[in-house]
């Protein structure tokens, strides 16, 4: 099977690539550290599987998966991440990924999972629970966006200017978010949403 690997940590990408390449039935046809180039490599090489990290420059692994789904690509997508977050998992399922594995998975298990996926099965890490798949994001798109901007260090005034909302409206959104997440304050709300994978990227 032909595989493209997209992972922004160079040492980890190199290690995964070298170890997988030692398998008789696996050939690495492309490697990159960002989502945009991953998409280009997939279009160029038409691999059987794309092994994607979630958090990468230009496009996240989930965004690449969504674009491939929209393009009705034959390439199967496997997300490999350190994040066992309900929001990310749900987005991955919605984007139609065939695999969602954690980075601490031994390479021998990873290779076996890739074989199952190549044969048409879906493989999700056993560390992911059904409760994570069922947990719903209570935040609206706008609320997620405002939280994301708070995480980036924007003030209420900054957010107000960028989103063309009055400062009072922005504060109301923040209060609503704090209440929904049962958070102590803004910082706590950002932390909770980030841990769940609910921040708008």
Protein backbone atom coordinates (compact mmCIF):
# COMPACT_ATOMS: atom_id res chain seq x y z
CA UNK A 1 0.00 0.00 0.00
CA UNK A 2 1.17 3.52 -0.78
CA UNK A 3 1.12 6.07 2.06
CA UNK A 4 1.57 9.83 2.47
CA UNK A 5 2.59 11.06 5.93
CA UNK A 6 1.85 14.59 7.20
CA UNK A 7 3.27 15.42 10.62
CA UNK A 8 4.78 18.75 11.67
CA UNK A 9 7.26 17.23 14.14
CA UNK A 10 10.20 16.30 11.92
CA UNK A 11 11.80 13.70 14.17
CA UNK A 12 8.51 11.89 14.78
CA UNK A 13 7.60 11.99 11.09
CA UNK A 14 11.00 10.57 10.18
CA UNK A 15 10.75 7.80 12.76
CA UNK A 16 7.25 6.74 11.67
CA UNK A 17 8.28 6.85 8.02
CA UNK A 18 11.44 4.75 8.51
CA UNK A 19 9.72 2.13 10.65
CA UNK A 20 6.70 1.77 8.37
CA UNK A 21 8.96 1.58 5.31
CA UNK A 22 10.55 -1.55 6.84
CA UNK A 23 7.23 -3.37 6.34
CA UNK A 24 7.23 -5.39 3.10
CA UNK A 25 3.80 -4.23 1.98
CA UNK A 26 4.14 -0.50 2.79
CA UNK A 27 5.72 2.20 0.62
CA UNK A 28 5.98 5.83 1.74
CA UNK A 29 5.38 7.97 -1.36
CA UNK A 30 5.39 11.41 0.28
CA UNK A 31 6.13 13.26 3.51
CA UNK A 32 5.36 16.80 4.65
CA UNK A 33 5.02 19.00 7.72
CA UNK A 34 1.86 20.90 6.71
CA UNK A 35 -1.70 20.29 5.57
CA UNK A 36 -1.63 22.25 2.32
CA UNK A 37 1.32 20.28 0.98
CA UNK A 38 -0.27 17.05 2.23
CA UNK A 39 -3.27 17.77 0.00
CA UNK A 40 -0.95 18.41 -2.96
CA UNK A 41 0.98 15.16 -2.32
CA UNK A 42 -2.27 13.19 -2.11
CA UNK A 43 -3.48 14.68 -5.39
CA UNK A 44 -0.12 13.97 -7.04
CA UNK A 45 0.62 10.44 -5.79
CA UNK A 46 -2.94 9.17 -5.20
CA UNK A 47 -1.90 7.05 -2.20
CA UNK A 48 -4.06 4.35 -0.63
CA UNK A 49 -3.82 6.03 2.78
CA UNK A 50 -2.94 9.48 4.13
CA UNK A 51 -1.57 9.44 7.69
CA UNK A 52 -2.34 12.91 9.10
CA UNK A 53 -1.58 14.74 12.32
CA UNK A 54 -4.41 16.99 13.56
CA UNK A 55 -2.49 20.14 14.44
CA UNK A 56 -0.37 21.26 11.47
CA UNK A 57 0.41 24.57 9.76
CA UNK A 58 -1.76 25.87 6.86
CA UNK A 59 -4.43 23.14 7.14
CA UNK A 60 -5.18 20.81 10.04
CA UNK A 61 -5.47 17.07 9.45
CA UNK A 62 -9.22 17.39 9.94
CA UNK A 63 -9.44 20.13 7.31
CA UNK A 64 -7.50 17.95 4.85
CA UNK A 65 -9.90 15.08 5.60
CA UNK A 66 -12.91 17.34 4.98
CA UNK A 67 -11.48 18.52 1.64
CA UNK A 68 -10.78 14.94 0.53
CA UNK A 69 -14.32 13.92 1.46
CA UNK A 70 -15.76 16.85 -0.49
CA UNK A 71 -13.62 15.86 -3.50
CA UNK A 72 -14.83 12.23 -3.20
CA UNK A 73 -11.20 11.07 -3.04
CA UNK A 74 -10.36 7.35 -2.95
CA UNK A 75 -7.57 8.06 -0.46
CA UNK A 76 -8.40 6.71 3.00
CA UNK A 77 -7.61 9.08 5.87
CA UNK A 78 -6.06 8.05 9.18
CA UNK A 79 -5.66 10.66 11.92
CA UNK A 80 -2.71 10.08 14.24
CA UNK A 81 -2.70 12.42 17.23
CA UNK A 82 -1.77 12.93 20.86
CA UNK A 83 -5.25 14.36 21.50
CA UNK A 84 -7.98 12.03 22.77
CA UNK A 85 -10.51 14.88 22.63
CA UNK A 86 -14.21 14.39 22.04
CA UNK A 87 -14.53 17.41 19.73
CA UNK A 88 -11.68 16.27 17.48
CA UNK A 89 -12.98 12.71 17.41
CA UNK A 90 -16.47 13.83 16.41
CA UNK A 91 -15.09 16.10 13.67
CA UNK A 92 -12.99 13.19 12.39
CA UNK A 93 -15.99 10.87 12.26
CA UNK A 94 -18.02 13.57 10.48
CA UNK A 95 -15.18 14.03 7.96
CA UNK A 96 -15.38 10.31 7.19
CA UNK A 97 -11.93 9.26 8.39
CA UNK A 98 -11.21 5.53 8.38
CA UNK A 99 -8.87 5.59 11.37
CA UNK A 100 -8.21 7.64 14.51
CA UNK A 101 -5.13 6.47 16.38
CA UNK A 102 -3.04 7.91 19.21
CA UNK A 103 0.65 8.64 18.67
CA UNK A 104 1.77 6.30 21.44
CA UNK A 105 0.50 3.35 19.36
CA UNK A 106 3.45 0.96 18.68
CA UNK A 107 4.47 0.99 15.01
CA UNK A 108 3.74 -2.74 14.67
CA UNK A 109 0.14 -2.03 15.77
CA UNK A 110 0.00 1.02 13.50
CA UNK A 111 1.07 -1.09 10.51
CA UNK A 112 -1.54 -3.72 11.31
CA UNK A 113 -4.21 -1.02 11.66
CA UNK A 114 -3.22 0.40 8.27
CA UNK A 115 -3.65 -3.05 6.71
CA UNK A 116 -7.15 -3.35 8.18
CA UNK A 117 -8.03 0.15 6.96
CA UNK A 118 -6.64 -0.59 3.49
CA UNK A 119 -8.89 -3.66 3.42
CA UNK A 120 -11.92 -1.44 4.04
CA UNK A 121 -12.31 -1.56 7.81
CA UNK A 122 -12.40 1.40 10.21
CA UNK A 123 -10.01 1.42 13.16
CA UNK A 124 -10.26 3.68 16.21
CA UNK A 125 -7.91 3.63 19.19
CA UNK A 126 -9.26 1.50 22.05
CA UNK A 127 -8.45 4.43 24.37
CA UNK A 128 -11.31 6.40 22.83
CA UNK A 129 -14.61 5.84 24.60
CA UNK A 130 -18.18 5.82 23.34
CA UNK A 131 -18.93 8.68 25.72
CA UNK A 132 -16.38 10.80 23.85
CA UNK A 133 -18.09 10.01 20.55
CA UNK A 134 -21.49 10.91 21.97
CA UNK A 135 -20.52 14.07 23.86
CA UNK A 136 -22.00 17.06 22.07
CA UNK A 137 -20.46 20.49 21.70
CA UNK A 138 -22.84 22.99 23.37
CA UNK A 139 -21.14 26.01 21.79
CA UNK A 140 -22.34 27.82 18.70
CA UNK A 141 -19.90 28.65 15.88
CA UNK A 142 -19.73 32.26 17.07
CA UNK A 143 -19.07 31.25 20.68
CA UNK A 144 -16.29 28.88 19.60
CA UNK A 145 -14.77 31.65 17.49
CA UNK A 146 -14.83 34.15 20.35
CA UNK A 147 -13.22 31.62 22.70
CA UNK A 148 -10.54 30.95 20.09
CA UNK A 149 -9.77 34.66 19.92
CA UNK A 150 -9.61 34.88 23.72
CA UNK A 151 -7.09 32.02 23.65
CA UNK A 152 -5.02 34.01 21.12
CA UNK A 153 -4.89 36.88 23.62
CA UNK A 154 -7.46 39.20 22.07
CA UNK A 155 -9.27 41.60 24.39
CA UNK A 156 -13.02 42.24 24.29
CA UNK A 157 -12.26 45.41 22.32
CA UNK A 158 -10.08 43.46 19.83
CA UNK A 159 -12.81 40.86 19.31
CA UNK A 160 -15.42 43.60 19.00
CA UNK A 161 -13.43 45.29 16.22
CA UNK A 162 -12.57 42.10 14.34
CA UNK A 163 -16.05 40.59 14.41
CA UNK A 164 -17.96 43.88 14.03
CA UNK A 165 -19.87 43.34 17.28
CA UNK A 166 -20.43 45.77 20.13
CA UNK A 167 -18.28 45.17 23.26
CA UNK A 168 -21.50 44.49 25.18
CA UNK A 169 -22.50 41.75 22.74
CA UNK A 170 -19.05 40.14 23.01
CA UNK A 171 -19.31 40.17 26.82
CA UNK A 172 -22.75 38.57 26.59
CA UNK A 173 -21.33 35.80 24.41
CA UNK A 174 -18.51 35.22 26.90
CA UNK A 175 -20.93 35.10 29.85
CA UNK A 176 -23.11 32.60 27.97
CA UNK A 177 -20.08 30.41 27.23
CA UNK A 178 -18.92 30.47 30.86
CA UNK A 179 -22.39 29.39 31.93
CA UNK A 180 -22.66 26.63 29.30
CA UNK A 181 -19.28 25.16 30.19
CA UNK A 182 -19.81 25.66 33.93
CA UNK A 183 -16.46 27.44 33.95
CA UNK A 184 -15.08 29.66 36.72
CA UNK A 185 -13.97 32.43 34.36
CA UNK A 186 -12.82 33.15 30.79
CA UNK A 187 -9.49 31.36 31.17
CA UNK A 188 -11.21 28.29 32.57
CA UNK A 189 -13.73 28.36 29.70
CA UNK A 190 -10.90 28.46 27.13
CA UNK A 191 -9.13 25.56 28.87
CA UNK A 192 -12.28 23.41 28.99
CA UNK A 193 -13.13 24.08 25.34
CA UNK A 194 -9.55 23.43 24.20
CA UNK A 195 -9.38 20.13 26.09
CA UNK A 196 -12.62 19.04 24.44
CA UNK A 197 -11.50 20.14 20.97
CA UNK A 198 -14.29 22.72 20.74
CA UNK A 199 -12.27 25.84 19.91
CA UNK A 200 -12.79 27.12 16.40
CA UNK A 201 -9.50 26.79 14.52
